[in-house]
Amino acid sequence: MQPTIELITEVFATLLKRPGLKLTMADSPDTVAGWDSLTHPELITAIEERMEIDFDFRELASIKTIADLVSLIESKL
């Protein structure tokens, strides 16, 4: 199975139209161009569909970094 961060990176690269994007666990909306309040819902929806999981509002509000997102996804798998 592909590592979670690689799957997230693929989704981000596709939706943000940034081929070759490399995410790290420390990345956040402050360090990833295009990851903002407008694209966040699109990114999350695409990840939910790709991973076949659902997040609730409280979980979404807790995502501050890629590490938070990875942890949340892995808790649901």
PDB file of N, CA and C in Angstrom:
ATOM      1  N   MET A   1       0.840  -1.186   0.000  1.00  0.00           N
ATOM      2  CA  MET A   1       0.000   0.000   0.000  1.00  0.00           C
ATOM      3  C   MET A   1       0.884   1.249   0.000  1.00  0.00           C
ATOM      4  N   GLN A   2       0.454   2.240  -0.729  1.00  0.00           N
ATOM      5  CA  GLN A   2       1.193   3.490  -0.857  1.00  0.00           C
ATOM      6  C   GLN A   2       1.135   4.277   0.456  1.00  0.00           C
ATOM      7  N   PRO A   3       2.270   4.848   0.878  1.00  0.00           N
ATOM      8  CA  PRO A   3       2.263   5.646   2.111  1.00  0.00           C
ATOM      9  C   PRO A   3       1.262   6.812   2.028  1.00  0.00           C
ATOM     10  N   THR A   4       0.657   7.123   3.152  1.00  0.00           N
ATOM     11  CA  THR A   4      -0.367   8.160   3.217  1.00  0.00           C
ATOM     12  C   THR A   4       0.130   9.496   2.694  1.00  0.00           C
ATOM     13  N   ILE A   5       1.328   9.905   3.052  1.00  0.00           N
ATOM     14  CA  ILE A   5       1.825  11.203   2.601  1.00  0.00           C
ATOM     15  C   ILE A   5       1.958  11.250   1.075  1.00  0.00           C
ATOM     16  N   GLU A   6       2.279  10.125   0.462  1.00  0.00           N
ATOM     17  CA  GLU A   6       2.367  10.094  -1.000  1.00  0.00           C
ATOM     18  C   GLU A   6       0.991  10.277  -1.632  1.00  0.00           C
ATOM     19  N   LEU A   7      -0.025   9.650  -1.061  1.00  0.00           N
ATOM     20  CA  LEU A   7      -1.384   9.817  -1.570  1.00  0.00           C
ATOM     21  C   LEU A   7      -1.846  11.270  -1.421  1.00  0.00           C
ATOM     22  N   ILE A   8      -1.576  11.857  -0.274  1.00  0.00           N
ATOM     23  CA  ILE A   8      -1.930  13.255  -0.037  1.00  0.00           C
ATOM     24  C   ILE A   8      -1.204  14.149  -1.036  1.00  0.00           C
ATOM     25  N   THR A   9       0.069  13.880  -1.250  1.00  0.00           N
ATOM     26  CA  THR A   9       0.861  14.675  -2.182  1.00  0.00           C
ATOM     27  C   THR A   9       0.276  14.610  -3.589  1.00  0.00           C
ATOM     28  N   GLU A  10      -0.150  13.425  -4.021  1.00  0.00           N
ATOM     29  CA  GLU A  10      -0.761  13.278  -5.349  1.00  0.00           C
ATOM     30  C   GLU A  10      -2.026  14.122  -5.461  1.00  0.00           C
ATOM     31  N   VAL A  11      -2.871  14.083  -4.435  1.00  0.00           N
ATOM     32  CA  VAL A  11      -4.107  14.866  -4.444  1.00  0.00           C
ATOM     33  C   VAL A  11      -3.782  16.355  -4.496  1.00  0.00           C
ATOM     34  N   PHE A  12      -2.889  16.803  -3.637  1.00  0.00           N
ATOM     35  CA  PHE A  12      -2.512  18.214  -3.607  1.00  0.00           C
ATOM     36  C   PHE A  12      -1.925  18.648  -4.947  1.00  0.00           C
ATOM     37  N   ALA A  13      -1.002  17.856  -5.494  1.00  0.00           N
ATOM     38  CA  ALA A  13      -0.351  18.217  -6.758  1.00  0.00           C
ATOM     39  C   ALA A  13      -1.375  18.342  -7.885  1.00  0.00           C
ATOM     40  N   THR A  14      -2.337  17.439  -7.917  1.00  0.00           N
ATOM     41  CA  THR A  14      -3.361  17.470  -8.961  1.00  0.00           C
ATOM     42  C   THR A  14      -4.271  18.682  -8.804  1.00  0.00           C
ATOM     43  N   LEU A  15      -4.839  18.856  -7.615  1.00  0.00           N
ATOM     44  CA  LEU A  15      -5.804  19.944  -7.421  1.00  0.00           C
ATOM     45  C   LEU A  15      -5.168  21.323  -7.437  1.00  0.00           C
ATOM     46  N   LEU A  16      -3.942  21.416  -6.964  1.00  0.00           N
ATOM     47  CA  LEU A  16      -3.276  22.717  -6.947  1.00  0.00           C
ATOM     48  C   LEU A  16      -2.504  22.977  -8.244  1.00  0.00           C
ATOM     49  N   LYS A  17      -2.574  21.991  -9.164  1.00  0.00           N
ATOM     50  CA  LYS A  17      -1.896  22.105 -10.458  1.00  0.00           C
ATOM     51  C   LYS A  17      -0.413  22.409 -10.269  1.00  0.00           C
ATOM     52  N   ARG A  18       0.212  21.577  -9.418  1.00  0.00           N
ATOM     53  CA  ARG A  18       1.634  21.732  -9.111  1.00  0.00           C
ATOM     54  C   ARG A  18       2.347  20.398  -9.264  1.00  0.00           C
ATOM     55  N   PRO A  19       2.555  19.965 -10.528  1.00  0.00           N
ATOM     56  CA  PRO A  19       3.274  18.700 -10.730  1.00  0.00           C
ATOM     57  C   PRO A  19       4.653  18.776 -10.073  1.00  0.00           C
ATOM     58  N   GLY A  20       5.056  17.676  -9.522  1.00  0.00           N
ATOM     59  CA  GLY A  20       6.358  17.637  -8.859  1.00  0.00           C
ATOM     60  C   GLY A  20       6.338  18.149  -7.429  1.00  0.00           C
ATOM     61  N   LEU A  21       5.157  18.488  -6.919  1.00  0.00           N
ATOM     62  CA  LEU A  21       5.037  18.972  -5.535  1.00  0.00           C
ATOM     63  C   LEU A  21       5.566  17.909  -4.579  1.00  0.00           C
ATOM     64  N   LYS A  22       6.339  18.332  -3.610  1.00  0.00           N
ATOM     65  CA  LYS A  22       6.851  17.445  -2.561  1.00  0.00           C
ATOM     66  C   LYS A  22       6.394  17.999  -1.216  1.00  0.00           C
ATOM     67  N   LEU A  23       5.554  17.267  -0.535  1.00  0.00           N
ATOM     68  CA  LEU A  23       5.078  17.673   0.787  1.00  0.00           C
ATOM     69  C   LEU A  23       5.912  17.009   1.872  1.00  0.00           C
ATOM     70  N   THR A  24       6.055  17.703   2.981  1.00  0.00           N
ATOM     71  CA  THR A  24       6.691  17.131   4.164  1.00  0.00           C
ATOM     72  C   THR A  24       5.671  17.147   5.290  1.00  0.00           C
ATOM     73  N   MET A  25       5.956  16.421   6.334  1.00  0.00           N
ATOM     74  CA  MET A  25       5.043  16.366   7.474  1.00  0.00           C
ATOM     75  C   MET A  25       4.880  17.737   8.124  1.00  0.00           C
ATOM     76  N   ALA A  26       5.854  18.605   7.989  1.00  0.00           N
ATOM     77  CA  ALA A  26       5.800  19.928   8.615  1.00  0.00           C
ATOM     78  C   ALA A  26       5.056  20.957   7.774  1.00  0.00           C
ATOM     79  N   ASP A  27       4.725  20.627   6.525  1.00  0.00           N
ATOM     80  CA  ASP A  27       4.044  21.601   5.667  1.00  0.00           C
ATOM     81  C   ASP A  27       2.668  21.959   6.203  1.00  0.00           C
ATOM     82  N   SER A  28       2.266  23.190   5.895  1.00  0.00           N
ATOM     83  CA  SER A  28       0.975  23.731   6.340  1.00  0.00           C
ATOM     84  C   SER A  28       0.489  24.696   5.267  1.00  0.00           C
ATOM     85  N   PRO A  29      -0.699  25.262   5.440  1.00  0.00           N
ATOM     86  CA  PRO A  29      -1.157  26.261   4.470  1.00  0.00           C
ATOM     87  C   PRO A  29      -0.183  27.442   4.333  1.00  0.00           C
ATOM     88  N   ASP A  30       0.598  27.686   5.353  1.00  0.00           N
ATOM     89  CA  ASP A  30       1.579  28.772   5.291  1.00  0.00           C
ATOM     90  C   ASP A  30       2.760  28.447   4.388  1.00  0.00           C
ATOM     91  N   THR A  31       3.017  27.159   4.147  1.00  0.00           N
ATOM     92  CA  THR A  31       4.197  26.772   3.368  1.00  0.00           C
ATOM     93  C   THR A  31       3.865  26.151   2.021  1.00  0.00           C
ATOM     94  N   VAL A  32       2.594  25.874   1.761  1.00  0.00           N
ATOM     95  CA  VAL A  32       2.190  25.254   0.498  1.00  0.00           C
ATOM     96  C   VAL A  32       1.356  26.259  -0.291  1.00  0.00           C
ATOM     97  N   ALA A  33       1.942  26.771  -1.359  1.00  0.00           N
ATOM     98  CA  ALA A  33       1.239  27.743  -2.198  1.00  0.00           C
ATOM     99  C   ALA A  33      -0.036  27.128  -2.758  1.00  0.00           C
ATOM    100  N   GLY A  34      -1.138  27.828  -2.592  1.00  0.00           N
ATOM    101  CA  GLY A  34      -2.422  27.361  -3.098  1.00  0.00           C
ATOM    102  C   GLY A  34      -3.292  26.657  -2.074  1.00  0.00           C
ATOM    103  N   TRP A  35      -2.708  26.232  -0.950  1.00  0.00           N
ATOM    104  CA  TRP A  35      -3.503  25.582   0.105  1.00  0.00           C
ATOM    105  C   TRP A  35      -4.015  26.687   1.011  1.00  0.00           C
ATOM    106  N   ASP A  36      -5.253  27.076   0.781  1.00  0.00           N
ATOM    107  CA  ASP A  36      -5.849  28.154   1.558  1.00  0.00           C
ATOM    108  C   ASP A  36      -7.281  27.786   1.919  1.00  0.00           C
ATOM    109  N   SER A  37      -7.996  28.716   2.490  1.00  0.00           N
ATOM    110  CA  SER A  37      -9.360  28.434   2.954  1.00  0.00           C
ATOM    111  C   SER A  37     -10.307  28.102   1.805  1.00  0.00           C
ATOM    112  N   LEU A  38      -9.982  28.529   0.602  1.00  0.00           N
ATOM    113  CA  LEU A  38     -10.835  28.220  -0.545  1.00  0.00           C
ATOM    114  C   LEU A  38     -10.560  26.834  -1.111  1.00  0.00           C
ATOM    115  N   THR A  39      -9.315  26.415  -1.123  1.00  0.00           N
ATOM    116  CA  THR A  39      -8.976  25.097  -1.678  1.00  0.00           C
ATOM    117  C   THR A  39      -9.040  23.982  -0.637  1.00  0.00           C
ATOM    118  N   HIS A  40      -8.993  24.338   0.636  1.00  0.00           N
ATOM    119  CA  HIS A  40      -9.005  23.322   1.696  1.00  0.00           C
ATOM    120  C   HIS A  40     -10.187  22.353   1.556  1.00  0.00           C
ATOM    121  N   PRO A  41     -11.426  22.844   1.391  1.00  0.00           N
ATOM    122  CA  PRO A  41     -12.547  21.893   1.253  1.00  0.00           C
ATOM    123  C   PRO A  41     -12.405  20.977   0.036  1.00  0.00           C
ATOM    124  N   GLU A  42     -11.893  21.495  -1.066  1.00  0.00           N
ATOM    125  CA  GLU A  42     -11.696  20.669  -2.258  1.00  0.00           C
ATOM    126  C   GLU A  42     -10.660  19.580  -2.002  1.00  0.00           C
ATOM    127  N   LEU A  43      -9.571  19.961  -1.354  1.00  0.00           N
ATOM    128  CA  LEU A  43      -8.515  18.997  -1.041  1.00  0.00           C
ATOM    129  C   LEU A  43      -9.037  17.898  -0.118  1.00  0.00           C
ATOM    130  N   ILE A  44      -9.769  18.297   0.909  1.00  0.00           N
ATOM    131  CA  ILE A  44     -10.304  17.329   1.869  1.00  0.00           C
ATOM    132  C   ILE A  44     -11.307  16.395   1.196  1.00  0.00           C
ATOM    133  N   THR A  45     -12.184  16.944   0.373  1.00  0.00           N
ATOM    134  CA  THR A  45     -13.169  16.124  -0.330  1.00  0.00           C
ATOM    135  C   THR A  45     -12.483  15.111  -1.238  1.00  0.00           C
ATOM    136  N   ALA A  46     -11.461  15.553  -1.948  1.00  0.00           N
ATOM    137  CA  ALA A  46     -10.730  14.640  -2.829  1.00  0.00           C
ATOM    138  C   ALA A  46     -10.030  13.542  -2.032  1.00  0.00           C
ATOM    139  N   ILE A  47      -9.475  13.902  -0.882  1.00  0.00           N
ATOM    140  CA  ILE A  47      -8.819  12.900  -0.030  1.00  0.00           C
ATOM    141  C   ILE A  47      -9.854  11.920   0.516  1.00  0.00           C
ATOM    142  N   GLU A  48     -11.003  12.421   0.955  1.00  0.00           N
ATOM    143  CA  GLU A  48     -12.066  11.533   1.454  1.00  0.00           C
ATOM    144  C   GLU A  48     -12.482  10.535   0.381  1.00  0.00           C
ATOM    145  N   GLU A  49     -12.655  11.020  -0.839  1.00  0.00           N
ATOM    146  CA  GLU A  49     -13.065  10.133  -1.931  1.00  0.00           C
ATOM    147  C   GLU A  49     -11.971   9.125  -2.258  1.00  0.00           C
ATOM    148  N   ARG A  50     -10.749   9.586  -2.335  1.00  0.00           N
ATOM    149  CA  ARG A  50      -9.621   8.711  -2.685  1.00  0.00           C
ATOM    150  C   ARG A  50      -9.400   7.636  -1.628  1.00  0.00           C
ATOM    151  N   MET A  51      -9.518   8.014  -0.364  1.00  0.00           N
ATOM    152  CA  MET A  51      -9.240   7.093   0.739  1.00  0.00           C
ATOM    153  C   MET A  51     -10.501   6.361   1.230  1.00  0.00           C
ATOM    154  N   GLU A  52     -11.668   6.759   0.716  1.00  0.00           N
ATOM    155  CA  GLU A  52     -12.952   6.188   1.123  1.00  0.00           C
ATOM    156  C   GLU A  52     -13.173   6.324   2.628  1.00  0.00           C
ATOM    157  N   ILE A  53     -13.001   7.563   3.109  1.00  0.00           N
ATOM    158  CA  ILE A  53     -13.211   7.891   4.517  1.00  0.00           C
ATOM    159  C   ILE A  53     -14.008   9.190   4.601  1.00  0.00           C
ATOM    160  N   ASP A  54     -14.490   9.499   5.786  1.00  0.00           N
ATOM    161  CA  ASP A  54     -15.213  10.752   6.015  1.00  0.00           C
ATOM    162  C   ASP A  54     -14.665  11.420   7.263  1.00  0.00           C
ATOM    163  N   PHE A  55     -14.557  12.742   7.196  1.00  0.00           N
ATOM    164  CA  PHE A  55     -14.140  13.538   8.347  1.00  0.00           C
ATOM    165  C   PHE A  55     -15.328  14.323   8.859  1.00  0.00           C
ATOM    166  N   ASP A  56     -15.386  14.539  10.177  1.00  0.00           N
ATOM    167  CA  ASP A  56     -16.420  15.424  10.699  1.00  0.00           C
ATOM    168  C   ASP A  56     -15.825  16.829  10.859  1.00  0.00           C
ATOM    169  N   PHE A  57     -16.675  17.794  11.132  1.00  0.00           N
ATOM    170  CA  PHE A  57     -16.245  19.193  11.189  1.00  0.00           C
ATOM    171  C   PHE A  57     -15.134  19.412  12.210  1.00  0.00           C
ATOM    172  N   ARG A  58     -15.275  18.821  13.374  1.00  0.00           N
ATOM    173  CA  ARG A  58     -14.263  18.989  14.422  1.00  0.00           C
ATOM    174  C   ARG A  58     -12.902  18.474  13.974  1.00  0.00           C
ATOM    175  N   GLU A  59     -12.908  17.329  13.279  1.00  0.00           N
ATOM    176  CA  GLU A  59     -11.654  16.783  12.769  1.00  0.00           C
ATOM    177  C   GLU A  59     -11.032  17.726  11.737  1.00  0.00           C
ATOM    178  N   LEU A  60     -11.863  18.254  10.863  1.00  0.00           N
ATOM    179  CA  LEU A  60     -11.356  19.171   9.839  1.00  0.00           C
ATOM    180  C   LEU A  60     -10.718  20.402  10.457  1.00  0.00           C
ATOM    181  N   ALA A  61     -11.310  20.901  11.517  1.00  0.00           N
ATOM    182  CA  ALA A  61     -10.782  22.090  12.185  1.00  0.00           C
ATOM    183  C   ALA A  61      -9.440  21.821  12.859  1.00  0.00           C
ATOM    184  N   SER A  62      -9.148  20.547  13.111  1.00  0.00           N
ATOM    185  CA  SER A  62      -7.898  20.201  13.796  1.00  0.00           C
ATOM    186  C   SER A  62      -6.702  20.093  12.852  1.00  0.00           C
ATOM    187  N   ILE A  63      -6.933  20.157  11.552  1.00  0.00           N
ATOM    188  CA  ILE A  63      -5.853  19.991  10.581  1.00  0.00           C
ATOM    189  C   ILE A  63      -5.093  21.301  10.419  1.00  0.00           C
ATOM    190  N   LYS A  64      -3.872  21.304  10.912  1.00  0.00           N
ATOM    191  CA  LYS A  64      -3.002  22.485  10.806  1.00  0.00           C
ATOM    192  C   LYS A  64      -1.773  22.216   9.952  1.00  0.00           C
ATOM    193  N   THR A  65      -1.384  20.935   9.863  1.00  0.00           N
ATOM    194  CA  THR A  65      -0.197  20.542   9.094  1.00  0.00           C
ATOM    195  C   THR A  65      -0.484  19.241   8.355  1.00  0.00           C
ATOM    196  N   ILE A  66       0.426  18.893   7.467  1.00  0.00           N
ATOM    197  CA  ILE A  66       0.317  17.609   6.775  1.00  0.00           C
ATOM    198  C   ILE A  66       0.393  16.476   7.792  1.00  0.00           C
ATOM    199  N   ALA A  67       1.204  16.633   8.826  1.00  0.00           N
ATOM    200  CA  ALA A  67       1.301  15.595   9.870  1.00  0.00           C
ATOM    201  C   ALA A  67      -0.060  15.368  10.525  1.00  0.00           C
ATOM    202  N   ASP A  68      -0.807  16.446  10.781  1.00  0.00           N
ATOM    203  CA  ASP A  68      -2.150  16.311  11.358  1.00  0.00           C
ATOM    204  C   ASP A  68      -3.056  15.532  10.409  1.00  0.00           C
ATOM    205  N   LEU A  69      -2.973  15.850   9.123  1.00  0.00           N
ATOM    206  CA  LEU A  69      -3.806  15.186   8.130  1.00  0.00           C
ATOM    207  C   LEU A  69      -3.447  13.711   8.013  1.00  0.00           C
ATOM    208  N   VAL A  70      -2.166  13.396   7.981  1.00  0.00           N
ATOM    209  CA  VAL A  70      -1.719  11.997   7.921  1.00  0.00           C
ATOM    210  C   VAL A  70      -2.222  11.232   9.134  1.00  0.00           C
ATOM    211  N   SER A  71      -2.057  11.805  10.311  1.00  0.00           N
ATOM    212  CA  SER A  71      -2.497  11.146  11.541  1.00  0.00           C
ATOM    213  C   SER A  71      -4.001  10.886  11.528  1.00  0.00           C
ATOM    214  N   LEU A  72      -4.753  11.868  11.099  1.00  0.00           N
ATOM    215  CA  LEU A  72      -6.200  11.733  11.045  1.00  0.00           C
ATOM    216  C   LEU A  72      -6.623  10.643  10.051  1.00  0.00           C
ATOM    217  N   ILE A  73      -6.020  10.648   8.885  1.00  0.00           N
ATOM    218  CA  ILE A  73      -6.335   9.621   7.885  1.00  0.00           C
ATOM    219  C   ILE A  73      -5.994   8.240   8.429  1.00  0.00           C
ATOM    220  N   GLU A  74      -4.817   8.092   8.976  1.00  0.00           N
ATOM    221  CA  GLU A  74      -4.390   6.771   9.454  1.00  0.00           C
ATOM    222  C   GLU A  74      -5.239   6.276  10.618  1.00  0.00           C
ATOM    223  N   SER A  75      -5.817   7.188  11.390  1.00  0.00           N
ATOM    224  CA  SER A  75      -6.706   6.771  12.471  1.00  0.00           C
ATOM    225  C   SER A  75      -8.016   6.188  11.943  1.00  0.00           C
ATOM    226  N   LYS A  76      -8.323   6.495  10.687  1.00  0.00           N
ATOM    227  CA  LYS A  76      -9.585   6.026  10.094  1.00  0.00           C
ATOM    228  C   LYS A  76      -9.395   4.771   9.240  1.00  0.00           C
ATOM    229  N   LEU A  77      -8.177   4.385   9.009  1.00  0.00           N
ATOM    230  CA  LEU A  77      -7.933   3.206   8.142  1.00  0.00           C
ATOM    231  C   LEU A  77      -7.854   1.930   8.947  1.00  0.00           C
TER     232      LEU A  77
END
